[in-house]
N, C-alpha and C. Protein backbone atom coordinates (compact mmCIF):
# COMPACT_ATOMS: atom_id res chain seq x y z
N UNK A 1 -168.47 11.59 -64.44
CA UNK A 1 -168.01 10.18 -64.74
C UNK A 1 -169.30 9.05 -63.60
N UNK A 2 -170.06 8.29 -64.15
CA UNK A 2 -170.63 7.45 -63.10
C UNK A 2 -169.86 6.75 -62.38
N UNK A 3 -170.41 6.13 -61.17
CA UNK A 3 -169.61 4.90 -60.52
C UNK A 3 -169.71 3.80 -61.42
N UNK A 4 -170.59 3.31 -61.97
CA UNK A 4 -170.56 2.37 -62.91
C UNK A 4 -169.76 2.64 -63.76
N UNK A 5 -169.46 3.36 -64.86
CA UNK A 5 -168.27 3.48 -65.47
C UNK A 5 -166.79 3.29 -64.90
N UNK A 6 -167.06 3.69 -64.04
CA UNK A 6 -165.56 3.67 -62.82
C UNK A 6 -165.65 2.16 -62.97
N UNK A 7 -166.43 1.30 -62.18
CA UNK A 7 -166.35 -0.11 -61.87
C UNK A 7 -166.22 -0.96 -63.29
N UNK A 8 -166.65 -0.21 -64.23
CA UNK A 8 -166.55 -0.98 -65.73
C UNK A 8 -165.28 -1.27 -66.02
N UNK A 9 -164.85 0.16 -65.88
CA UNK A 9 -163.30 0.23 -66.10
C UNK A 9 -162.37 -0.64 -65.37
N UNK A 10 -162.62 -0.97 -64.21
CA UNK A 10 -161.76 -1.84 -63.42
C UNK A 10 -161.84 -3.16 -63.45
N UNK A 11 -163.26 -4.01 -63.72
CA UNK A 11 -163.18 -4.90 -64.78
C UNK A 11 -162.58 -5.28 -65.48
N UNK A 12 -162.54 -4.23 -66.41
CA UNK A 12 -162.29 -4.70 -68.07
C UNK A 12 -160.46 -4.41 -67.93
N UNK A 13 -160.04 -3.32 -66.72
CA UNK A 13 -158.61 -3.58 -66.84
C UNK A 13 -158.17 -4.74 -66.01
N UNK A 14 -158.83 -5.26 -65.05
CA UNK A 14 -158.42 -6.67 -64.11
C UNK A 14 -158.27 -7.64 -65.22
N UNK A 15 -159.33 -7.23 -66.07
CA UNK A 15 -159.38 -8.94 -67.05
C UNK A 15 -158.59 -8.93 -68.12
N UNK A 16 -158.21 -7.30 -68.84
CA UNK A 16 -157.03 -7.37 -69.11
C UNK A 16 -156.00 -8.13 -68.64
N UNK A 17 -155.69 -7.53 -67.44
CA UNK A 17 -154.13 -7.57 -66.40
C UNK A 17 -154.15 -9.00 -66.17
N UNK A 18 -155.19 -9.51 -66.13
CA UNK A 18 -155.34 -11.05 -65.31
C UNK A 18 -155.30 -12.21 -66.96
N UNK A 19 -155.61 -12.06 -68.07
CA UNK A 19 -155.86 -12.63 -69.06
C UNK A 19 -154.48 -12.88 -69.46
N UNK A 20 -153.93 -11.23 -69.63
CA UNK A 20 -152.56 -11.33 -70.14
C UNK A 20 -151.63 -12.14 -69.61
N UNK A 21 -151.47 -11.53 -68.24
CA UNK A 21 -150.40 -12.51 -67.09
C UNK A 21 -150.79 -13.94 -67.61
N UNK A 22 -151.81 -14.31 -67.42
CA UNK A 22 -151.95 -16.27 -67.42
C UNK A 22 -151.30 -16.39 -68.65
N UNK A 23 -151.46 -15.38 -70.23
CA UNK A 23 -150.60 -16.02 -71.38
C UNK A 23 -149.05 -16.21 -71.17
N UNK A 24 -148.74 -14.71 -70.47
CA UNK A 24 -147.46 -14.38 -70.67
C UNK A 24 -147.03 -15.19 -69.59
N UNK A 25 -147.67 -15.74 -68.31
CA UNK A 25 -146.74 -16.47 -67.78
C UNK A 25 -146.90 -18.34 -68.01
N UNK A 26 -147.64 -18.42 -69.00
CA UNK A 26 -147.39 -19.91 -69.20
C UNK A 26 -146.77 -20.17 -70.50
N UNK A 27 -146.96 -18.98 -71.33
CA UNK A 27 -145.63 -19.19 -71.97
C UNK A 27 -144.31 -19.01 -71.65
N UNK A 28 -143.90 -18.17 -70.90
CA UNK A 28 -142.61 -18.43 -69.83
C UNK A 28 -142.35 -19.64 -69.44
N UNK A 29 -143.43 -19.99 -68.70
CA UNK A 29 -143.27 -21.52 -68.40
C UNK A 29 -143.07 -22.40 -68.70
N UNK A 30 -143.62 -22.37 -70.23
CA UNK A 30 -143.34 -23.67 -71.69
C UNK A 30 -141.79 -23.08 -72.10
N UNK A 31 -141.33 -21.99 -71.99
CA UNK A 31 -139.83 -21.49 -72.47
C UNK A 31 -138.96 -21.83 -71.27
N UNK A 32 -139.34 -22.20 -70.26
CA UNK A 32 -138.37 -22.36 -69.03
C UNK A 32 -137.73 -24.19 -68.93
N UNK A 33 -138.73 -24.74 -69.81
CA UNK A 33 -138.56 -26.19 -70.39
C UNK A 33 -136.84 -25.99 -70.68
N UNK A 34 -136.62 -24.92 -71.38
CA UNK A 34 -134.84 -25.21 -72.39
C UNK A 34 -134.29 -24.64 -71.52
N UNK A 35 -134.11 -24.03 -69.95
CA UNK A 35 -133.58 -23.40 -69.35
C UNK A 35 -133.46 -24.15 -68.15
N UNK A 36 -133.67 -25.14 -68.07
CA UNK A 36 -133.72 -26.22 -66.77
C UNK A 36 -132.68 -25.73 -65.56
N UNK A 37 -131.25 -25.45 -66.17
CA UNK A 37 -130.74 -24.58 -64.86
C UNK A 37 -130.56 -23.58 -64.28
N UNK A 38 -131.97 -22.97 -64.99
CA UNK A 38 -132.45 -21.45 -64.43
C UNK A 38 -133.74 -21.49 -63.47
N UNK A 39 -134.66 -22.68 -63.76
CA UNK A 39 -135.73 -22.68 -63.04
C UNK A 39 -135.44 -21.98 -61.81
N UNK A 40 -134.54 -22.57 -61.12
CA UNK A 40 -134.75 -22.74 -59.30
C UNK A 40 -134.58 -21.08 -58.73
N UNK A 41 -133.98 -19.90 -60.14
CA UNK A 41 -134.10 -18.43 -60.13
C UNK A 41 -135.25 -18.07 -60.75
N UNK A 42 -135.68 -18.49 -61.32
CA UNK A 42 -136.79 -17.87 -62.32
C UNK A 42 -138.53 -17.85 -61.53
N UNK A 43 -138.42 -19.13 -61.23
CA UNK A 43 -139.87 -19.88 -60.51
C UNK A 43 -140.05 -19.40 -59.46
N UNK A 44 -138.99 -18.79 -58.52
CA UNK A 44 -139.54 -18.04 -56.90
C UNK A 44 -140.36 -16.73 -57.77
N UNK A 45 -139.70 -16.12 -58.57
CA UNK A 45 -140.49 -14.68 -58.89
C UNK A 45 -141.55 -14.88 -59.76
N UNK A 46 -142.20 -15.80 -60.26
CA UNK A 46 -143.17 -16.26 -60.92
C UNK A 46 -144.15 -16.19 -60.67
N UNK A 47 -143.68 -17.16 -59.32
CA UNK A 47 -144.63 -17.91 -57.97
C UNK A 47 -145.22 -16.60 -57.21
N UNK A 48 -144.57 -15.51 -57.45
CA UNK A 48 -144.89 -14.26 -56.12
C UNK A 48 -145.62 -13.21 -57.37
N UNK A 49 -144.73 -13.61 -58.54
CA UNK A 49 -146.05 -12.38 -59.61
C UNK A 49 -147.46 -12.94 -59.61
N UNK A 50 -147.61 -14.43 -59.22
CA UNK A 50 -149.08 -15.13 -59.09
C UNK A 50 -149.78 -14.43 -58.54
N UNK A 51 -149.25 -14.14 -57.10
CA UNK A 51 -149.83 -14.14 -55.66
C UNK A 51 -149.97 -12.61 -55.71
N UNK A 52 -149.44 -12.00 -56.27
CA UNK A 52 -149.30 -10.53 -56.23
C UNK A 52 -149.89 -10.10 -57.28
N UNK A 53 -149.83 -10.43 -58.31
CA UNK A 53 -150.34 -9.90 -59.91
C UNK A 53 -151.83 -10.24 -60.27
N UNK A 54 -151.59 -11.58 -60.53
CA UNK A 54 -152.83 -12.66 -61.29
C UNK A 54 -153.67 -12.93 -60.25
N UNK A 55 -153.88 -13.27 -59.10
CA UNK A 55 -154.52 -13.69 -58.29
C UNK A 55 -155.49 -11.95 -58.25
N UNK A 56 -154.55 -10.88 -57.29
CA UNK A 56 -155.66 -9.96 -57.18
C UNK A 56 -156.14 -9.22 -58.30
N UNK A 57 -155.92 -9.68 -59.59
CA UNK A 57 -156.45 -9.17 -60.87
C UNK A 57 -157.57 -9.89 -61.27
N UNK A 58 -157.48 -10.92 -60.35
CA UNK A 58 -158.71 -12.04 -60.72
C UNK A 58 -159.89 -11.56 -59.90
N UNK A 59 -159.46 -11.18 -58.86
CA UNK A 59 -160.35 -10.74 -57.60
C UNK A 59 -160.74 -9.52 -58.14
N UNK A 60 -160.45 -8.73 -58.19
CA UNK A 60 -160.81 -7.34 -58.85
C UNK A 60 -162.02 -7.63 -60.06
N UNK A 61 -161.56 -8.60 -61.07
CA UNK A 61 -162.55 -8.86 -61.74
C UNK A 61 -163.67 -9.43 -60.90
N UNK A 62 -163.73 -10.29 -60.06
CA UNK A 62 -164.97 -11.13 -59.67
C UNK A 62 -165.38 -9.70 -58.86
N UNK A 63 -164.97 -9.23 -58.20
CA UNK A 63 -165.60 -8.04 -57.33
C UNK A 63 -166.25 -6.76 -58.18
N UNK A 64 -165.57 -6.42 -58.98
CA UNK A 64 -166.65 -5.49 -59.93
C UNK A 64 -167.53 -6.08 -60.86
N UNK A 65 -167.44 -7.29 -60.81
CA UNK A 65 -168.70 -8.04 -61.86
C UNK A 65 -169.71 -8.14 -61.16
N UNK A 66 -169.40 -8.61 -59.54
CA UNK A 66 -170.55 -8.43 -58.80
C UNK A 66 -171.25 -6.93 -58.68
N UNK A 67 -170.40 -5.92 -58.41
CA UNK A 67 -170.65 -4.60 -58.22
C UNK A 67 -171.42 -4.17 -59.65
N UNK A 68 -171.03 -4.41 -60.97
CA UNK A 68 -171.53 -4.12 -62.07
C UNK A 68 -173.56 -4.86 -62.24
N UNK A 69 -173.43 -6.30 -61.54
CA UNK A 69 -174.60 -6.87 -61.38
C UNK A 69 -175.25 -6.22 -60.76
N UNK A 70 -175.15 -5.73 -59.47
CA UNK A 70 -175.77 -5.12 -58.60
C UNK A 70 -176.50 -3.79 -59.08
N UNK A 71 -174.95 -3.16 -59.63
CA UNK A 71 -175.56 -1.86 -60.36
C UNK A 71 -176.49 -1.61 -61.32
N UNK A 72 -176.57 -2.29 -61.91
CA UNK A 72 -177.71 -2.63 -62.98
C UNK A 72 -179.18 -3.02 -62.31
N UNK A 73 -179.11 -3.66 -60.99
CA UNK A 73 -180.13 -4.02 -60.81
C UNK A 73 -180.47 -5.29 -61.34
N UNK A 74 -179.66 -6.29 -61.51
CA UNK A 74 -179.94 -7.56 -62.18
C UNK A 74 -180.02 -8.99 -61.27
N UNK A 75 -179.87 -8.09 -59.88
CA UNK A 75 -179.41 -9.62 -59.37
C UNK A 75 -180.88 -10.21 -59.06
N UNK A 76 -180.89 -11.70 -59.25
CA UNK A 76 -182.44 -12.41 -58.71
C UNK A 76 -183.32 -12.25 -59.62
N UNK A 77 -183.25 -11.14 -61.08
CA UNK A 77 -183.90 -11.61 -62.32
C UNK A 77 -183.56 -12.52 -63.52
N UNK A 78 -184.76 -12.23 -64.25
CA UNK A 78 -184.21 -13.05 -65.59
C UNK A 78 -183.61 -12.31 -66.40
N UNK A 79 -182.16 -13.29 -66.75
CA UNK A 79 -181.21 -12.28 -67.63
C UNK A 79 -180.88 -13.22 -68.77
N UNK A 80 -180.77 -12.29 -69.90
CA UNK A 80 -180.16 -13.05 -71.07
C UNK A 80 -179.31 -13.87 -70.75
N UNK A 81 -178.89 -15.29 -71.62
CA UNK A 81 -178.05 -16.21 -71.10
C UNK A 81 -176.63 -15.71 -71.18
N UNK A 82 -175.99 -14.92 -72.20
CA UNK A 82 -174.81 -14.56 -71.80
C UNK A 82 -174.33 -13.57 -70.73
N UNK A 83 -175.20 -13.07 -70.19
CA UNK A 83 -175.03 -12.38 -68.67
C UNK A 83 -175.24 -13.45 -67.41
N UNK A 84 -176.23 -14.60 -67.81
CA UNK A 84 -175.75 -15.36 -66.61
C UNK A 84 -174.63 -16.51 -66.93
N UNK A 85 -174.18 -16.53 -68.51
CA UNK A 85 -173.06 -17.12 -68.46
C UNK A 85 -172.04 -16.47 -67.65
N UNK A 86 -171.52 -15.29 -67.88
CA UNK A 86 -170.85 -14.43 -67.36
C UNK A 86 -170.82 -14.54 -65.84
N UNK A 87 -171.73 -14.27 -65.14
CA UNK A 87 -172.30 -14.03 -63.93
C UNK A 87 -171.64 -15.60 -63.56
N UNK A 88 -172.71 -16.63 -63.83
CA UNK A 88 -172.43 -17.78 -63.13
C UNK A 88 -170.63 -18.84 -63.67
N UNK A 89 -170.92 -18.75 -64.74
CA UNK A 89 -169.45 -19.88 -65.22
C UNK A 89 -168.34 -18.85 -64.87
N UNK A 90 -168.44 -17.55 -65.03
CA UNK A 90 -167.27 -16.60 -65.05
C UNK A 90 -166.70 -16.52 -63.59
N UNK A 91 -167.93 -16.91 -62.52
CA UNK A 91 -167.49 -16.50 -60.96
C UNK A 91 -166.49 -17.69 -60.95
N UNK A 92 -167.35 -18.97 -61.52
CA UNK A 92 -166.88 -20.07 -61.01
C UNK A 92 -164.85 -20.38 -61.63
N UNK A 93 -165.07 -19.88 -62.47
CA UNK A 93 -163.82 -20.12 -63.32
C UNK A 93 -162.48 -18.94 -62.75
N UNK A 94 -163.15 -17.76 -62.37
CA UNK A 94 -162.34 -17.16 -61.53
C UNK A 94 -161.84 -17.95 -60.48
N UNK A 95 -163.00 -18.02 -59.45
CA UNK A 95 -162.47 -18.91 -58.36
C UNK A 95 -161.76 -19.90 -58.17
N UNK A 96 -162.04 -20.60 -59.33
CA UNK A 96 -161.21 -21.91 -59.47
C UNK A 96 -159.79 -22.03 -60.15
N UNK A 97 -159.70 -20.59 -60.74
CA UNK A 97 -158.23 -20.09 -61.05
C UNK A 97 -157.38 -20.18 -60.13
N UNK A 98 -158.27 -18.68 -59.37
CA UNK A 98 -157.14 -18.09 -57.82
C UNK A 98 -157.03 -19.48 -57.20
N UNK A 99 -157.74 -20.05 -56.98
CA UNK A 99 -157.74 -21.50 -55.96
C UNK A 99 -156.38 -22.34 -56.04
N UNK A 100 -156.48 -22.55 -57.50
CA UNK A 100 -155.61 -23.97 -58.04
C UNK A 100 -154.00 -23.56 -58.60
N UNK A 101 -154.28 -22.09 -58.93
CA UNK A 101 -153.01 -21.09 -59.25
C UNK A 101 -152.35 -20.83 -57.86
N UNK A 102 -152.70 -20.86 -57.01
CA UNK A 102 -152.50 -20.56 -55.77
C UNK A 102 -151.77 -21.99 -55.04
N UNK A 103 -151.97 -22.84 -55.24
CA UNK A 103 -151.94 -24.24 -54.57
C UNK A 103 -150.63 -24.21 -55.30
N UNK A 104 -151.11 -24.57 -56.79
CA UNK A 104 -149.52 -24.54 -57.21
C UNK A 104 -148.58 -24.14 -57.31
N UNK A 105 -148.52 -22.42 -57.01
CA UNK A 105 -147.42 -21.83 -56.55
C UNK A 105 -146.59 -22.11 -55.29
N UNK A 106 -147.67 -22.19 -54.25
CA UNK A 106 -147.54 -22.33 -53.26
C UNK A 106 -146.20 -23.98 -52.97
N UNK A 107 -147.25 -24.87 -53.73
CA UNK A 107 -146.45 -26.20 -53.97
C UNK A 107 -144.93 -26.11 -54.42
N UNK A 108 -144.47 -25.03 -55.82
CA UNK A 108 -143.55 -24.98 -56.21
C UNK A 108 -142.20 -24.39 -55.10
N UNK A 109 -143.17 -23.81 -54.41
CA UNK A 109 -142.44 -22.44 -53.49
C UNK A 109 -141.54 -23.54 -52.67
N UNK A 110 -142.29 -24.66 -52.07
CA UNK A 110 -142.23 -25.79 -51.33
C UNK A 110 -141.24 -26.15 -51.63
N UNK A 111 -141.55 -26.93 -52.86
CA UNK A 111 -140.27 -27.49 -53.39
C UNK A 111 -138.90 -27.08 -53.87
N UNK A 112 -138.98 -25.56 -54.00
CA UNK A 112 -137.60 -24.89 -54.16
C UNK A 112 -137.41 -24.39 -52.88
N UNK A 113 -137.73 -24.36 -51.85
CA UNK A 113 -137.24 -24.54 -50.27
C UNK A 113 -136.74 -26.09 -50.20
N UNK A 114 -136.66 -26.96 -50.65
CA UNK A 114 -136.33 -28.36 -50.09
C UNK A 114 -134.82 -28.36 -51.11
N UNK A 115 -133.83 -28.57 -50.61
CA UNK A 115 -132.65 -28.88 -51.14
C UNK A 115 -132.58 -30.09 -52.04
N UNK A 116 -133.00 -31.44 -51.79
CA UNK A 116 -133.37 -32.18 -52.46
C UNK A 116 -134.61 -32.55 -53.67
N UNK A 117 -134.83 -31.39 -53.62
CA UNK A 117 -135.99 -31.62 -55.12
C UNK A 117 -135.26 -31.77 -56.32
N UNK A 118 -135.68 -32.89 -56.66
CA UNK A 118 -134.65 -32.99 -58.17
C UNK A 118 -135.53 -31.72 -59.58
N UNK A 119 -134.56 -31.73 -60.13
CA UNK A 119 -134.95 -30.84 -61.45
C UNK A 119 -136.13 -31.54 -62.23
N UNK A 120 -136.05 -32.69 -62.59
CA UNK A 120 -137.52 -33.38 -63.20
C UNK A 120 -138.54 -33.24 -62.24
N UNK A 121 -138.75 -33.25 -60.95
CA UNK A 121 -139.88 -33.10 -60.58
C UNK A 121 -140.16 -31.52 -60.30
N UNK A 122 -139.31 -30.79 -60.12
CA UNK A 122 -139.65 -29.37 -60.15
C UNK A 122 -140.02 -28.86 -62.02
N UNK A 123 -139.40 -29.28 -62.90
CA UNK A 123 -140.20 -29.48 -64.41
C UNK A 123 -141.63 -29.66 -64.41
N UNK A 124 -141.81 -31.13 -63.86
CA UNK A 124 -143.37 -31.61 -63.73
C UNK A 124 -144.42 -30.55 -63.33
N UNK A 125 -144.03 -30.03 -62.19
CA UNK A 125 -144.75 -29.07 -61.30
C UNK A 125 -144.64 -27.97 -62.26
N UNK A 126 -143.73 -27.46 -62.92
CA UNK A 126 -143.70 -26.06 -63.71
C UNK A 126 -144.60 -26.28 -65.04
N UNK A 127 -144.60 -27.62 -65.67
CA UNK A 127 -145.37 -28.10 -66.55
C UNK A 127 -147.06 -28.08 -66.16
N UNK A 128 -147.38 -28.59 -65.50
CA UNK A 128 -148.48 -28.54 -65.08
C UNK A 128 -149.28 -27.39 -64.15
N UNK A 129 -148.44 -26.23 -63.54
CA UNK A 129 -148.53 -24.89 -63.65
C UNK A 129 -148.78 -24.33 -64.95
N UNK A 130 -148.45 -24.74 -65.95
CA UNK A 130 -148.51 -23.99 -67.21
C UNK A 130 -149.89 -24.21 -67.90
N UNK A 131 -150.04 -25.72 -67.57
CA UNK A 131 -151.20 -26.43 -68.18
C UNK A 131 -152.42 -26.17 -67.38
N UNK A 132 -151.99 -25.51 -66.08
CA UNK A 132 -153.42 -24.84 -65.18
C UNK A 132 -153.96 -23.60 -65.98
N UNK A 133 -152.70 -22.55 -66.29
CA UNK A 133 -153.09 -21.49 -66.86
C UNK A 133 -153.54 -21.38 -68.27
N UNK A 134 -152.99 -22.44 -68.94
CA UNK A 134 -153.43 -22.44 -70.11
C UNK A 134 -154.65 -22.98 -70.26
N UNK A 135 -155.27 -23.63 -69.45
CA UNK A 135 -156.89 -24.17 -69.07
C UNK A 135 -157.65 -23.19 -68.68
N UNK A 136 -156.96 -22.18 -67.36
CA UNK A 136 -157.59 -21.33 -67.05
C UNK A 136 -157.82 -20.04 -68.56
N UNK A 137 -157.34 -19.82 -69.08
CA UNK A 137 -157.35 -18.80 -70.20
C UNK A 137 -158.18 -18.96 -71.28
N UNK A 138 -158.35 -20.58 -71.37
CA UNK A 138 -159.16 -21.13 -72.69
C UNK A 138 -160.61 -20.81 -71.78
N UNK A 139 -160.79 -20.85 -70.66
CA UNK A 139 -162.28 -21.02 -69.86
C UNK A 139 -162.53 -19.62 -70.05
N UNK A 140 -161.29 -18.67 -69.72
CA UNK A 140 -161.82 -17.40 -69.78
C UNK A 140 -162.19 -16.83 -71.25
N UNK A 141 -160.99 -16.98 -71.94
CA UNK A 141 -161.72 -16.65 -73.53
C UNK A 141 -163.16 -17.00 -73.92
N UNK A 142 -163.66 -18.25 -73.27
CA UNK A 142 -164.89 -18.66 -73.78
C UNK A 142 -165.98 -17.59 -73.18
N UNK A 143 -165.79 -17.44 -71.87
CA UNK A 143 -166.56 -16.30 -71.29
C UNK A 143 -166.70 -15.06 -71.84
N UNK A 144 -165.55 -14.31 -72.26
CA UNK A 144 -165.46 -13.32 -72.93
C UNK A 144 -165.73 -13.35 -74.55
N UNK A 145 -165.90 -14.68 -75.27
CA UNK A 145 -166.41 -15.03 -76.29
C UNK A 145 -167.86 -14.98 -76.20
N UNK A 146 -168.82 -15.44 -75.59
CA UNK A 146 -169.90 -15.68 -75.21
C UNK A 146 -170.42 -14.66 -74.75
N UNK A 147 -169.40 -13.41 -73.98
CA UNK A 147 -170.27 -11.81 -73.91
C UNK A 147 -170.23 -11.16 -74.73
N UNK A 148 -169.19 -11.16 -75.61
CA UNK A 148 -169.19 -10.51 -76.60
C UNK A 148 -169.88 -10.65 -77.70
N UNK A 149 -170.50 -11.74 -77.64
CA UNK A 149 -171.52 -12.20 -79.03
C UNK A 149 -172.62 -11.81 -78.48
N UNK A 150 -172.56 -11.56 -77.43
CA UNK A 150 -174.00 -11.77 -76.67
C UNK A 150 -174.85 -12.97 -77.26
N UNK A 151 -174.88 -13.76 -76.87
CA UNK A 151 -175.25 -15.19 -76.93
C UNK A 151 -176.29 -15.01 -76.49
N UNK A 152 -177.46 -15.67 -77.24
CA UNK A 152 -178.94 -15.45 -76.38
C UNK A 152 -179.21 -16.98 -75.92
């Protein structure tokens, strides 16, 4: 098995975990609206999962993507549109997703630590968190679509 195959495996596995986690977490946050009394117990575990599962898998996608580009010898060369899109737009999506979701998770954790935080305020933060996750999912799927169709 070649090194490129191993890196590709990590790239696809990281993408699957990252995308799957985003979808599941967004759905979970949407369902939490109906159980407002349990938000204070469910949100801490979700924010921990963002820091310990979602962001690391996104980072693996980023690092393995850079490694694949380097291994293929495509750095600095003229590439087809889909590879440029994956490299440039995909990289920005990864970084923005990691930063935005980390900041929002931290904000939720701080709100939970304050005893005077209202349930409405917590619901608004959870809703924004879910919207960010859905936005990230749509952007990731755009990269996957362009790359899988090998658009020129």
